[in-house]
Amino acid sequence: MHMTQIDSTMAAGTVTPEGGDKGSQGSVSEKAVAASLVPLLIIFMLGTLCLQGFNLVAVRVGADVQASGSQATLITALPAAALGIVCFIYGSLSDFVSLRKLMWWGIGILLAGSAGGFLFHGSLALVIIFRILQTVGYQAAGSVYMVMASRFLAPKKKVFYLGLYTAGYQVAAALGILSAGFLSEVQWSYLFLIPLASAAFIPVLARNIPEGDAGHTSVDVAGFGIIGAALTLLILFFSQLAWWMLGASAVFFAVFAVYIHYASAPFITPGFFHNIRWLKAISLIVVFYSVNFAAAPLYNAVGEKLYGITSATVSLLILPAFICAAVIATFSGSLINRWGSRACLIAAAVLMILGTGGYALTLRYGAAALSVTAVLFYTGMGLIFSPIYNNSLSTLPGSETGRGVGMNDLAMQGSAAVGVTILGGLISSVGAGAGISYGKALAPAQAALLASGYSQILWIITGIEALGLVLVLVFSRASGSRG
């Protein structure tokens, strides 16, 4: 699995978008690109902070709004499903419409969801609705960031900003878990207010994000509508397990397959899915990221149920893990240039396996085992983003950068949403009905039963990571590449 360099033309402080003619976007100042990327990253981080924070305290929120444990998982699952869908739509739309328009749309929804959620959160439905709005809003910043970095920057700068992106994600995840851990002891609704800080970046984004369109005269509304319906039903199936949703999703996917064959100007062509190198790259994303959202609620459950500690204490225990992940992510671009993407992928997979497998073996020994093994897992997650994302984009022509970003983000967020729904259900089921709650002393047999249940979930996660490692080795051997 080698990393192909995508050409970028650099001249006189400007860059020409990859893939040739991009219509009225023309040449874009590299200084303007850099000035836009940092604010976009901060907005994305503020949204991610809320995502991870609500992920940690979803059960507590559910209890406060009189929702059952299974209903409380929807606080995480439904926004995560929405995230996977809008990731795809935003990235794909960037090949057709103005990046600036996408950004204004996202900021408006983010601010509305944040204010509304803080003011109106008295029921499960309201919490979910405003969390979905926040999620749909902040991801516009993430998608525009990735498209700008991939489309307008030279390869070496591109991998640096990919690393910076995942470093920002890890820092935000750490702050989100830390904030939620403490706010859950005060009032979790304050989490809704955090993304309101995004408004401060409107002036700099207005000056620097490209205003022109992407060189296309129309947007394939029908195509986006069909695939959006298919993805929505598929992701919701895994949270609701309503079989009619799976059947309806299959129908929409079939309609979409027929549509892109016969439509005069579909937003994506059948040839996109005939790219074997891209299919291999995207399959790695699906496998590795399916466990991404499940780690935090698992650590929180073990801490509260088995160790008898609060969410705030759990957040402090795993804070070093996010710091390590952010550090390795920051330097991941340099590591790719030095070691090659294959070596980085292998190293990341091994770290993740050691983290979850090691914790499965040691969780009985207390909270210190959680903290140490979490460092290994999250460091692996921090390292894996740049090589796995860049490998996927390198298989596509520059004219399809936006759709590549959309597909990558859909794979990451969609698989994570499905993973946290399935694994979250398993986490909730461990100890269910046993009357176990925070602060209650456990009998030895009860503690052994809990430890065994959580260990089994950790071994499932480890098996998924091992599958990813096997795929990396098989695909790289098939391509005959070590790079």
Protein backbone atom coordinates (compact mmCIF):
# COMPACT_ATOMS: atom_id res chain seq x y z
CA MET A 1 0.00 0.00 0.00
CA HIS A 2 2.01 2.91 -1.20
CA MET A 3 1.46 6.61 -0.82
CA THR A 4 1.16 8.36 -4.16
CA GLN A 5 2.16 12.01 -4.31
CA ILE A 6 -0.66 14.18 -5.68
CA ASP A 7 0.72 17.07 -7.69
CA SER A 8 0.24 20.63 -6.50
CA THR A 9 1.35 23.65 -8.48
CA MET A 10 3.04 26.33 -6.40
CA ALA A 11 3.89 29.77 -7.71
CA ALA A 12 4.32 33.25 -6.30
CA GLY A 13 2.64 32.49 -3.00
CA THR A 14 -0.47 30.92 -4.57
CA VAL A 15 -1.63 27.40 -5.15
CA THR A 16 -3.75 26.01 -7.95
CA PRO A 17 -6.37 23.48 -6.85
CA GLU A 18 -5.48 19.87 -7.57
CA GLY A 19 -7.15 18.27 -10.46
CA GLY A 20 -6.93 21.09 -12.96
CA ASP A 21 -9.63 23.64 -13.53
CA LYS A 22 -11.67 24.51 -10.49
CA GLY A 23 -13.75 27.25 -11.91
CA SER A 24 -13.92 30.47 -10.05
CA GLN A 25 -11.86 29.26 -7.15
CA GLY A 26 -8.85 29.84 -9.41
CA SER A 27 -5.54 30.35 -7.65
CA VAL A 28 -5.83 30.60 -3.90
CA SER A 29 -3.30 32.36 -1.67
CA GLU A 30 -1.37 29.85 0.40
CA LYS A 31 -1.32 32.41 3.22
CA ALA A 32 -5.13 32.58 3.09
CA VAL A 33 -5.34 28.78 3.23
CA ALA A 34 -3.11 28.67 6.31
CA ALA A 35 -5.04 31.52 7.94
CA SER A 36 -8.29 29.60 7.46
CA LEU A 37 -7.13 26.18 8.62
CA VAL A 38 -6.38 27.05 12.25
CA PRO A 39 -9.80 28.66 12.97
CA LEU A 40 -11.53 25.81 11.16
CA LEU A 41 -9.61 23.34 13.30
CA ILE A 42 -10.59 25.16 16.50
CA ILE A 43 -14.28 25.11 15.55
CA PHE A 44 -13.99 21.40 14.77
CA MET A 45 -12.29 20.88 18.14
CA LEU A 46 -15.08 22.67 20.00
CA GLY A 47 -17.64 20.39 18.36
CA THR A 48 -15.56 17.29 19.03
CA LEU A 49 -15.25 18.33 22.65
CA CYS A 50 -19.04 18.21 22.95
CA LEU A 51 -19.22 14.90 21.07
CA GLN A 52 -16.78 13.17 23.41
CA GLY A 53 -18.24 14.85 26.46
CA PHE A 54 -21.79 13.68 25.80
CA ASN A 55 -20.39 10.27 24.81
CA LEU A 56 -18.93 9.95 28.31
CA VAL A 57 -22.00 11.08 30.27
CA ALA A 58 -24.80 9.78 28.01
CA VAL A 59 -26.12 7.42 30.67
CA ARG A 60 -26.13 10.20 33.29
CA VAL A 61 -27.95 12.53 30.89
CA GLY A 62 -30.49 9.81 30.12
CA ALA A 63 -31.20 9.31 33.81
CA ASP A 64 -31.73 13.06 34.32
CA VAL A 65 -34.32 13.21 31.51
CA GLN A 66 -36.06 10.00 32.67
CA ALA A 67 -34.84 7.83 29.79
CA SER A 68 -33.94 4.16 30.06
CA GLY A 69 -30.40 2.92 29.58
CA SER A 70 -31.11 1.70 26.05
CA GLN A 71 -32.75 5.01 25.14
CA ALA A 72 -29.79 6.93 26.56
CA THR A 73 -27.48 5.36 23.99
CA LEU A 74 -29.41 7.34 21.34
CA ILE A 75 -27.80 10.51 22.72
CA THR A 76 -24.56 9.20 21.24
CA ALA A 77 -25.81 6.98 18.43
CA LEU A 78 -28.11 9.39 16.58
CA PRO A 79 -25.70 12.36 16.47
CA ALA A 80 -22.96 9.92 15.43
CA ALA A 81 -25.20 8.66 12.62
CA ALA A 82 -25.88 12.23 11.53
CA LEU A 83 -22.14 12.91 11.67
CA GLY A 84 -21.36 10.05 9.31
CA ILE A 85 -23.94 11.24 6.80
CA VAL A 86 -23.02 14.94 6.79
CA CYS A 87 -19.31 14.06 6.59
CA PHE A 88 -20.02 12.40 3.28
CA ILE A 89 -22.37 15.09 2.03
CA TYR A 90 -20.12 18.02 2.99
CA GLY A 91 -17.03 16.49 1.46
CA SER A 92 -18.81 15.54 -1.75
CA LEU A 93 -20.59 18.90 -2.01
CA SER A 94 -17.25 20.71 -1.86
CA ASP A 95 -16.57 19.48 -5.41
CA PHE A 96 -19.72 21.32 -6.51
CA VAL A 97 -20.39 24.36 -4.30
CA SER A 98 -18.48 27.13 -2.55
CA LEU A 99 -16.47 26.16 0.52
CA ARG A 100 -17.48 29.49 2.05
CA LYS A 101 -21.18 28.68 1.67
CA LEU A 102 -20.64 25.34 3.36
CA MET A 103 -18.86 27.06 6.22
CA TRP A 104 -21.63 29.64 6.82
CA TRP A 105 -24.24 26.89 6.74
CA GLY A 106 -22.30 24.90 9.34
CA ILE A 107 -21.60 27.78 11.72
CA GLY A 108 -25.25 28.86 11.69
CA ILE A 109 -26.51 25.39 12.57
CA LEU A 110 -23.80 24.94 15.24
CA LEU A 111 -24.69 28.16 17.02
CA ALA A 112 -28.43 27.41 16.86
CA GLY A 113 -27.94 23.90 18.25
CA SER A 114 -25.67 25.14 21.06
CA ALA A 115 -27.98 27.90 22.26
CA GLY A 116 -31.09 25.77 21.86
CA GLY A 117 -29.60 22.82 23.70
CA PHE A 118 -28.61 24.92 26.70
CA LEU A 119 -32.00 26.60 26.93
CA PHE A 120 -34.22 23.60 26.14
CA HIS A 121 -32.95 20.20 27.36
CA GLY A 122 -35.78 18.91 29.50
CA SER A 123 -36.47 15.76 27.49
CA LEU A 124 -34.53 13.06 25.68
CA ALA A 125 -35.93 14.18 22.32
CA LEU A 126 -34.78 17.79 22.82
CA VAL A 127 -31.29 16.71 23.90
CA ILE A 128 -30.95 14.49 20.82
CA ILE A 129 -32.31 17.13 18.41
CA PHE A 130 -29.94 19.85 19.60
CA ARG A 131 -26.99 17.44 19.76
CA ILE A 132 -27.69 16.51 16.13
CA LEU A 133 -27.78 20.20 15.16
CA GLN A 134 -24.47 20.81 16.92
CA THR A 135 -22.93 17.80 15.22
CA VAL A 136 -24.17 18.71 11.74
CA GLY A 137 -22.88 22.23 12.27
CA TYR A 138 -19.37 21.65 13.56
CA GLN A 139 -18.53 18.96 11.00
CA ALA A 140 -18.75 21.56 8.23
CA ALA A 141 -15.56 23.06 9.68
CA GLY A 142 -13.86 19.66 9.73
CA SER A 143 -14.82 18.82 6.16
CA VAL A 144 -13.85 22.24 4.79
CA TYR A 145 -10.52 21.96 6.63
CA MET A 146 -9.75 18.57 5.08
CA VAL A 147 -10.78 19.63 1.58
CA MET A 148 -8.70 22.83 1.72
CA ALA A 149 -5.63 21.04 3.07
CA SER A 150 -5.93 18.24 0.50
CA ARG A 151 -6.82 20.44 -2.47
CA PHE A 152 -4.60 23.49 -2.00
CA LEU A 153 -1.43 22.33 -0.21
CA ALA A 154 1.67 20.54 -1.47
CA PRO A 155 2.08 16.90 -0.32
CA LYS A 156 4.51 17.50 2.56
CA LYS A 157 2.42 20.33 3.96
CA LYS A 158 -0.71 18.28 3.43
CA VAL A 159 0.43 15.42 5.67
CA PHE A 160 1.50 17.95 8.31
CA TYR A 161 -1.99 19.43 8.41
CA LEU A 162 -3.54 15.96 8.43
CA GLY A 163 -1.47 15.24 11.52
CA LEU A 164 -2.43 18.58 13.05
CA TYR A 165 -6.10 17.74 12.42
CA THR A 166 -5.98 14.49 14.34
CA ALA A 167 -3.86 16.13 17.07
CA GLY A 168 -6.62 18.71 17.45
CA TYR A 169 -9.18 15.93 17.58
CA GLN A 170 -7.28 14.15 20.36
CA VAL A 171 -6.85 17.35 22.40
CA ALA A 172 -10.55 18.12 21.98
CA ALA A 173 -11.50 14.58 22.96
CA ALA A 174 -9.38 14.89 26.10
CA LEU A 175 -10.92 18.24 27.02
CA GLY A 176 -14.39 16.89 26.27
CA ILE A 177 -13.99 13.90 28.55
CA LEU A 178 -12.36 16.05 31.24
CA SER A 179 -15.10 18.68 31.03
CA ALA A 180 -17.89 16.12 31.01
CA GLY A 181 -16.38 14.28 33.95
CA PHE A 182 -16.56 17.40 36.10
CA LEU A 183 -19.69 18.99 34.64
CA SER A 184 -21.59 15.76 35.23
CA GLU A 185 -21.10 16.49 38.93
CA VAL A 186 -22.45 20.05 38.44
CA GLN A 187 -24.72 20.44 35.38
CA TRP A 188 -24.01 18.65 32.10
CA SER A 189 -26.10 21.16 30.09
CA TYR A 190 -23.15 23.60 30.19
CA LEU A 191 -21.50 21.34 27.61
CA PHE A 192 -23.93 22.78 25.06
CA LEU A 193 -22.47 26.29 25.49
CA ILE A 194 -18.87 25.49 24.59
CA PRO A 195 -19.18 25.69 20.75
CA LEU A 196 -20.64 29.21 20.97
CA ALA A 197 -17.00 30.39 20.99
CA SER A 198 -16.98 29.55 17.26
CA ALA A 199 -18.63 32.92 16.56
CA ALA A 200 -15.32 34.65 17.32
CA PHE A 201 -13.77 33.20 14.15
CA ILE A 202 -16.39 34.42 11.68
CA PRO A 203 -14.41 37.54 10.59
CA VAL A 204 -11.17 35.70 9.74
CA LEU A 205 -13.03 32.96 7.89
CA ALA A 206 -15.01 35.52 5.91
CA ARG A 207 -11.74 37.02 4.66
CA ASN A 208 -9.87 33.84 3.78
CA ILE A 209 -12.09 30.91 2.71
CA PRO A 210 -12.43 30.70 -1.11
CA GLU A 211 -15.72 32.20 -2.24
CA GLY A 212 -16.07 30.80 -5.78
CA ASP A 213 -17.79 27.59 -6.77
CA ALA A 214 -15.98 24.37 -7.65
CA GLY A 215 -16.45 24.61 -11.40
CA HIS A 216 -19.75 22.73 -11.64
CA THR A 217 -22.98 24.34 -12.72
CA SER A 218 -25.42 22.27 -10.66
CA VAL A 219 -25.68 20.05 -7.63
CA ASP A 220 -26.99 16.50 -7.98
CA VAL A 221 -29.80 16.95 -5.46
CA ALA A 222 -31.51 13.66 -6.38
CA GLY A 223 -28.29 11.68 -6.00
CA PHE A 224 -27.48 13.19 -2.61
CA GLY A 225 -31.06 12.61 -1.47
CA ILE A 226 -31.08 8.92 -2.42
CA ILE A 227 -27.72 8.08 -0.85
CA GLY A 228 -28.55 10.18 2.22
CA ALA A 229 -31.73 8.19 2.80
CA ALA A 230 -29.87 4.90 2.32
CA LEU A 231 -27.12 5.83 4.80
CA THR A 232 -29.56 7.20 7.38
CA LEU A 233 -31.62 4.02 7.42
CA LEU A 234 -28.54 1.79 7.51
CA ILE A 235 -26.95 3.55 10.49
CA LEU A 236 -30.26 3.79 12.36
CA PHE A 237 -30.79 0.07 11.85
CA PHE A 238 -27.78 -0.69 14.02
CA SER A 239 -29.12 1.44 16.87
CA GLN A 240 -32.77 0.38 16.60
CA LEU A 241 -32.41 -3.12 15.09
CA ALA A 242 -35.63 -2.57 13.16
CA TRP A 243 -35.35 -4.92 10.21
CA TRP A 244 -37.60 -2.81 8.00
CA MET A 245 -34.91 -0.11 8.16
CA LEU A 246 -32.32 -2.53 6.79
CA GLY A 247 -34.67 -3.58 3.99
CA ALA A 248 -35.53 0.01 3.11
CA SER A 249 -31.83 0.93 3.14
CA ALA A 250 -31.06 -1.90 0.71
CA VAL A 251 -33.79 -0.62 -1.61
CA PHE A 252 -32.35 2.91 -1.59
CA PHE A 253 -28.83 1.58 -2.24
CA ALA A 254 -30.15 -0.41 -5.20
CA VAL A 255 -31.95 2.67 -6.54
CA PHE A 256 -28.73 4.67 -6.14
CA ALA A 257 -26.73 2.05 -8.06
CA VAL A 258 -29.20 2.28 -10.94
CA TYR A 259 -29.34 6.07 -10.71
CA ILE A 260 -25.60 6.71 -11.09
CA HIS A 261 -25.52 4.44 -14.16
CA TYR A 262 -28.21 6.35 -16.03
CA ALA A 263 -28.24 9.92 -14.62
CA SER A 264 -26.82 12.55 -16.97
CA ALA A 265 -24.58 14.18 -14.34
CA PRO A 266 -24.41 12.15 -11.09
CA PHE A 267 -22.21 13.53 -8.31
CA ILE A 268 -20.32 10.24 -8.29
CA THR A 269 -19.88 7.73 -11.11
CA PRO A 270 -19.74 3.90 -11.04
CA GLY A 271 -16.05 4.14 -11.93
CA PHE A 272 -15.35 5.65 -8.51
CA PHE A 273 -16.25 2.30 -6.94
CA HIS A 274 -14.17 0.29 -9.43
CA ASN A 275 -10.93 1.69 -7.98
CA ILE A 276 -9.47 -1.36 -6.21
CA ARG A 277 -6.74 0.61 -4.41
CA TRP A 278 -9.36 2.97 -3.01
CA LEU A 279 -11.57 0.05 -1.90
CA LYS A 280 -8.64 -1.46 0.00
CA ALA A 281 -7.79 1.85 1.65
CA ILE A 282 -11.37 2.57 2.70
CA SER A 283 -11.80 -0.93 4.13
CA LEU A 284 -8.92 -0.24 6.54
CA ILE A 285 -10.67 2.92 7.72
CA VAL A 286 -13.90 1.01 8.37
CA VAL A 287 -12.17 -1.69 10.41
CA PHE A 288 -9.91 0.46 12.57
CA TYR A 289 -12.40 3.25 13.26
CA SER A 290 -15.27 0.94 14.20
CA VAL A 291 -13.82 0.83 17.75
CA ASN A 292 -13.06 4.55 18.07
CA PHE A 293 -16.14 5.82 19.94
CA ALA A 294 -16.51 2.73 22.13
CA ALA A 295 -13.36 3.14 24.22
CA ALA A 296 -14.44 6.12 26.37
CA PRO A 297 -17.80 4.67 27.52
CA LEU A 298 -16.11 1.33 28.20
CA TYR A 299 -13.44 2.95 30.38
CA ASN A 300 -16.12 4.98 32.15
CA ALA A 301 -18.26 1.89 32.79
CA VAL A 302 -15.33 -0.10 34.19
CA GLY A 303 -14.32 2.82 36.39
CA GLU A 304 -17.77 3.45 37.83
CA LYS A 305 -19.06 -0.11 38.10
CA LEU A 306 -15.90 -2.11 38.86
CA TYR A 307 -13.58 0.39 40.53
CA GLY A 308 -16.24 2.57 42.18
CA ILE A 309 -14.79 5.87 40.93
CA THR A 310 -16.54 8.88 39.38
CA SER A 311 -16.58 9.95 35.74
CA ALA A 312 -14.38 12.90 36.73
CA THR A 313 -11.74 10.53 38.06
CA VAL A 314 -11.96 8.35 34.96
CA SER A 315 -11.44 11.42 32.77
CA LEU A 316 -8.29 12.32 34.70
CA LEU A 317 -6.99 8.77 34.38
CA ILE A 318 -7.26 8.76 30.59
CA LEU A 319 -6.13 12.37 30.11
CA PRO A 320 -2.47 11.31 29.63
CA ALA A 321 -3.60 8.99 26.84
CA PHE A 322 -5.11 11.87 24.86
CA ILE A 323 -2.03 14.01 25.45
CA CYS A 324 0.20 11.24 24.07
CA ALA A 325 -2.16 10.79 21.13
CA ALA A 326 -2.03 14.50 20.35
CA VAL A 327 1.78 14.55 20.47
CA ILE A 328 2.18 11.54 18.16
CA ALA A 329 -0.46 12.91 15.80
CA THR A 330 1.37 16.23 15.52
CA PHE A 331 4.50 14.44 14.32
CA SER A 332 2.72 11.77 12.25
CA GLY A 333 3.38 13.64 9.01
CA SER A 334 7.12 13.59 9.68
CA LEU A 335 6.93 9.91 10.61
CA ILE A 336 5.22 9.13 7.31
CA ASN A 337 7.96 10.93 5.39
CA ARG A 338 10.64 9.04 7.33
CA TRP A 339 9.17 5.54 7.78
CA GLY A 340 6.50 5.30 5.08
CA SER A 341 2.79 4.84 5.56
CA ARG A 342 2.96 1.04 5.81
CA ALA A 343 5.29 1.12 8.82
CA CYS A 344 3.15 3.79 10.51
CA LEU A 345 0.00 1.74 9.99
CA ILE A 346 1.63 -1.38 11.43
CA ALA A 347 2.99 0.51 14.44
CA ALA A 348 -0.40 2.10 15.10
CA ALA A 349 -2.24 -1.22 14.88
CA VAL A 350 0.23 -2.90 17.25
CA LEU A 351 -0.17 -0.09 19.80
CA MET A 352 -3.96 -0.40 19.66
CA ILE A 353 -3.79 -4.18 20.09
CA LEU A 354 -1.43 -3.87 23.05
CA GLY A 355 -3.71 -1.26 24.60
CA THR A 356 -7.00 -3.13 24.51
CA GLY A 357 -5.57 -6.65 24.77
CA GLY A 358 -3.32 -5.55 27.62
CA TYR A 359 -6.25 -4.05 29.48
CA ALA A 360 -8.32 -7.21 28.98
CA LEU A 361 -5.56 -9.06 30.83
CA THR A 362 -4.99 -6.50 33.58
CA LEU A 363 -8.28 -4.71 34.31
CA ARG A 364 -8.69 -6.70 37.54
CA TYR A 365 -5.61 -4.94 38.93
CA GLY A 366 -7.23 -1.54 39.27
CA ALA A 367 -7.36 1.93 37.80
CA ALA A 368 -3.63 2.13 37.10
CA ALA A 369 -4.03 -0.58 34.45
CA LEU A 370 -6.74 1.51 32.79
CA SER A 371 -4.52 4.59 32.61
CA VAL A 372 -1.44 2.80 31.25
CA THR A 373 -3.20 0.72 28.60
CA ALA A 374 -5.35 3.67 27.49
CA VAL A 375 -2.09 5.46 26.59
CA LEU A 376 -1.21 2.62 24.21
CA PHE A 377 -4.65 2.51 22.59
CA TYR A 378 -5.09 6.25 22.04
CA THR A 379 -1.50 6.71 20.89
CA GLY A 380 -2.22 4.13 18.21
CA MET A 381 -5.39 5.99 17.23
CA GLY A 382 -3.43 9.24 17.08
CA LEU A 383 -0.77 7.75 14.83
CA ILE A 384 -3.10 5.96 12.42
CA PHE A 385 -5.11 8.91 11.08
CA SER A 386 -2.57 10.57 8.76
CA PRO A 387 -1.33 7.45 6.92
CA ILE A 388 -4.76 5.82 6.60
CA TYR A 389 -6.45 9.04 5.41
CA ASN A 390 -3.68 10.08 3.05
CA ASN A 391 -3.45 6.60 1.53
CA SER A 392 -7.11 6.77 0.62
CA LEU A 393 -6.89 10.25 -0.94
CA SER A 394 -3.74 9.29 -2.87
CA THR A 395 -5.73 6.71 -4.83
CA LEU A 396 -8.01 9.39 -6.34
CA PRO A 397 -7.50 12.15 -8.92
CA GLY A 398 -7.48 15.71 -7.63
CA SER A 399 -10.86 16.45 -9.21
CA GLU A 400 -12.41 13.92 -6.80
CA THR A 401 -10.69 15.22 -3.64
CA GLY A 402 -13.94 16.40 -2.04
CA ARG A 403 -15.72 13.13 -2.66
CA GLY A 404 -12.67 11.29 -1.33
CA VAL A 405 -12.76 13.37 1.85
CA GLY A 406 -16.50 12.71 2.12
CA MET A 407 -16.08 8.96 1.71
CA ASN A 408 -13.22 8.88 4.24
CA ASP A 409 -15.22 10.79 6.82
CA LEU A 410 -18.30 8.69 6.20
CA ALA A 411 -16.27 5.53 6.71
CA MET A 412 -14.71 6.88 9.91
CA GLN A 413 -17.82 8.32 11.49
CA GLY A 414 -20.29 5.76 10.16
CA SER A 415 -18.27 2.75 11.28
CA ALA A 416 -17.63 4.42 14.65
CA ALA A 417 -21.37 5.07 15.05
CA VAL A 418 -22.19 1.46 14.28
CA GLY A 419 -19.39 0.27 16.54
CA VAL A 420 -20.42 2.35 19.56
CA THR A 421 -24.04 1.27 19.11
CA ILE A 422 -23.20 -2.44 19.09
CA LEU A 423 -20.40 -2.32 21.67
CA GLY A 424 -22.30 0.23 23.77
CA GLY A 425 -25.16 -2.21 24.03
CA LEU A 426 -22.75 -4.89 25.24
CA ILE A 427 -21.22 -2.48 27.75
CA SER A 428 -24.65 -1.60 29.15
CA SER A 429 -25.63 -5.25 29.39
CA VAL A 430 -22.67 -6.16 31.60
CA GLY A 431 -23.98 -6.12 35.13
CA ALA A 432 -27.49 -5.11 34.01
CA GLY A 433 -30.14 -6.19 36.46
CA ALA A 434 -27.62 -6.83 39.21
CA GLY A 435 -28.38 -3.60 41.05
CA ILE A 436 -24.82 -2.36 40.67
CA SER A 437 -24.33 1.38 41.03
CA TYR A 438 -21.61 3.86 41.86
CA GLY A 439 -20.48 3.68 45.49
CA LYS A 440 -21.93 0.24 46.16
CA ALA A 441 -19.48 -2.34 47.48
CA LEU A 442 -19.16 -5.41 45.30
CA ALA A 443 -19.03 -8.97 46.48
CA PRO A 444 -16.01 -10.91 45.11
CA ALA A 445 -18.22 -13.02 42.85
CA GLN A 446 -19.96 -9.89 41.56
CA ALA A 447 -16.62 -8.18 40.83
CA ALA A 448 -15.33 -11.27 39.03
CA LEU A 449 -18.46 -11.40 36.87
CA LEU A 450 -18.13 -7.73 35.92
CA ALA A 451 -14.41 -8.07 35.15
CA SER A 452 -15.07 -11.09 32.96
CA GLY A 453 -17.81 -9.30 31.02
CA TYR A 454 -15.72 -6.21 30.35
CA SER A 455 -12.71 -8.35 29.41
CA GLN A 456 -14.77 -10.13 26.76
CA ILE A 457 -15.71 -6.79 25.18
CA LEU A 458 -12.04 -5.76 25.20
CA TRP A 459 -11.10 -9.02 23.43
CA ILE A 460 -13.75 -8.33 20.76
CA ILE A 461 -12.20 -4.89 20.18
CA THR A 462 -8.72 -6.42 20.09
CA GLY A 463 -9.86 -8.96 17.50
CA ILE A 464 -11.17 -6.15 15.26
CA GLU A 465 -7.83 -4.35 15.55
CA ALA A 466 -5.96 -7.56 14.74
CA LEU A 467 -8.09 -7.98 11.62
CA GLY A 468 -7.04 -4.48 10.58
CA LEU A 469 -3.37 -5.36 11.05
CA VAL A 470 -3.78 -8.48 8.93
CA LEU A 471 -5.41 -6.43 6.15
CA VAL A 472 -2.54 -3.91 6.22
CA LEU A 473 0.00 -6.72 5.80
CA VAL A 474 -1.99 -8.48 3.06
CA PHE A 475 -2.70 -5.31 1.06
CA SER A 476 0.85 -4.02 1.28
CA ARG A 477 2.24 -7.39 0.21
CA ALA A 478 -0.18 -7.52 -2.72
CA SER A 479 1.01 -4.08 -3.88
CA GLY A 480 4.63 -5.08 -3.43
CA SER A 481 5.32 -1.89 -1.53
CA ARG A 482 6.98 -1.07 1.76
CA GLY A 483 6.22 2.65 1.51
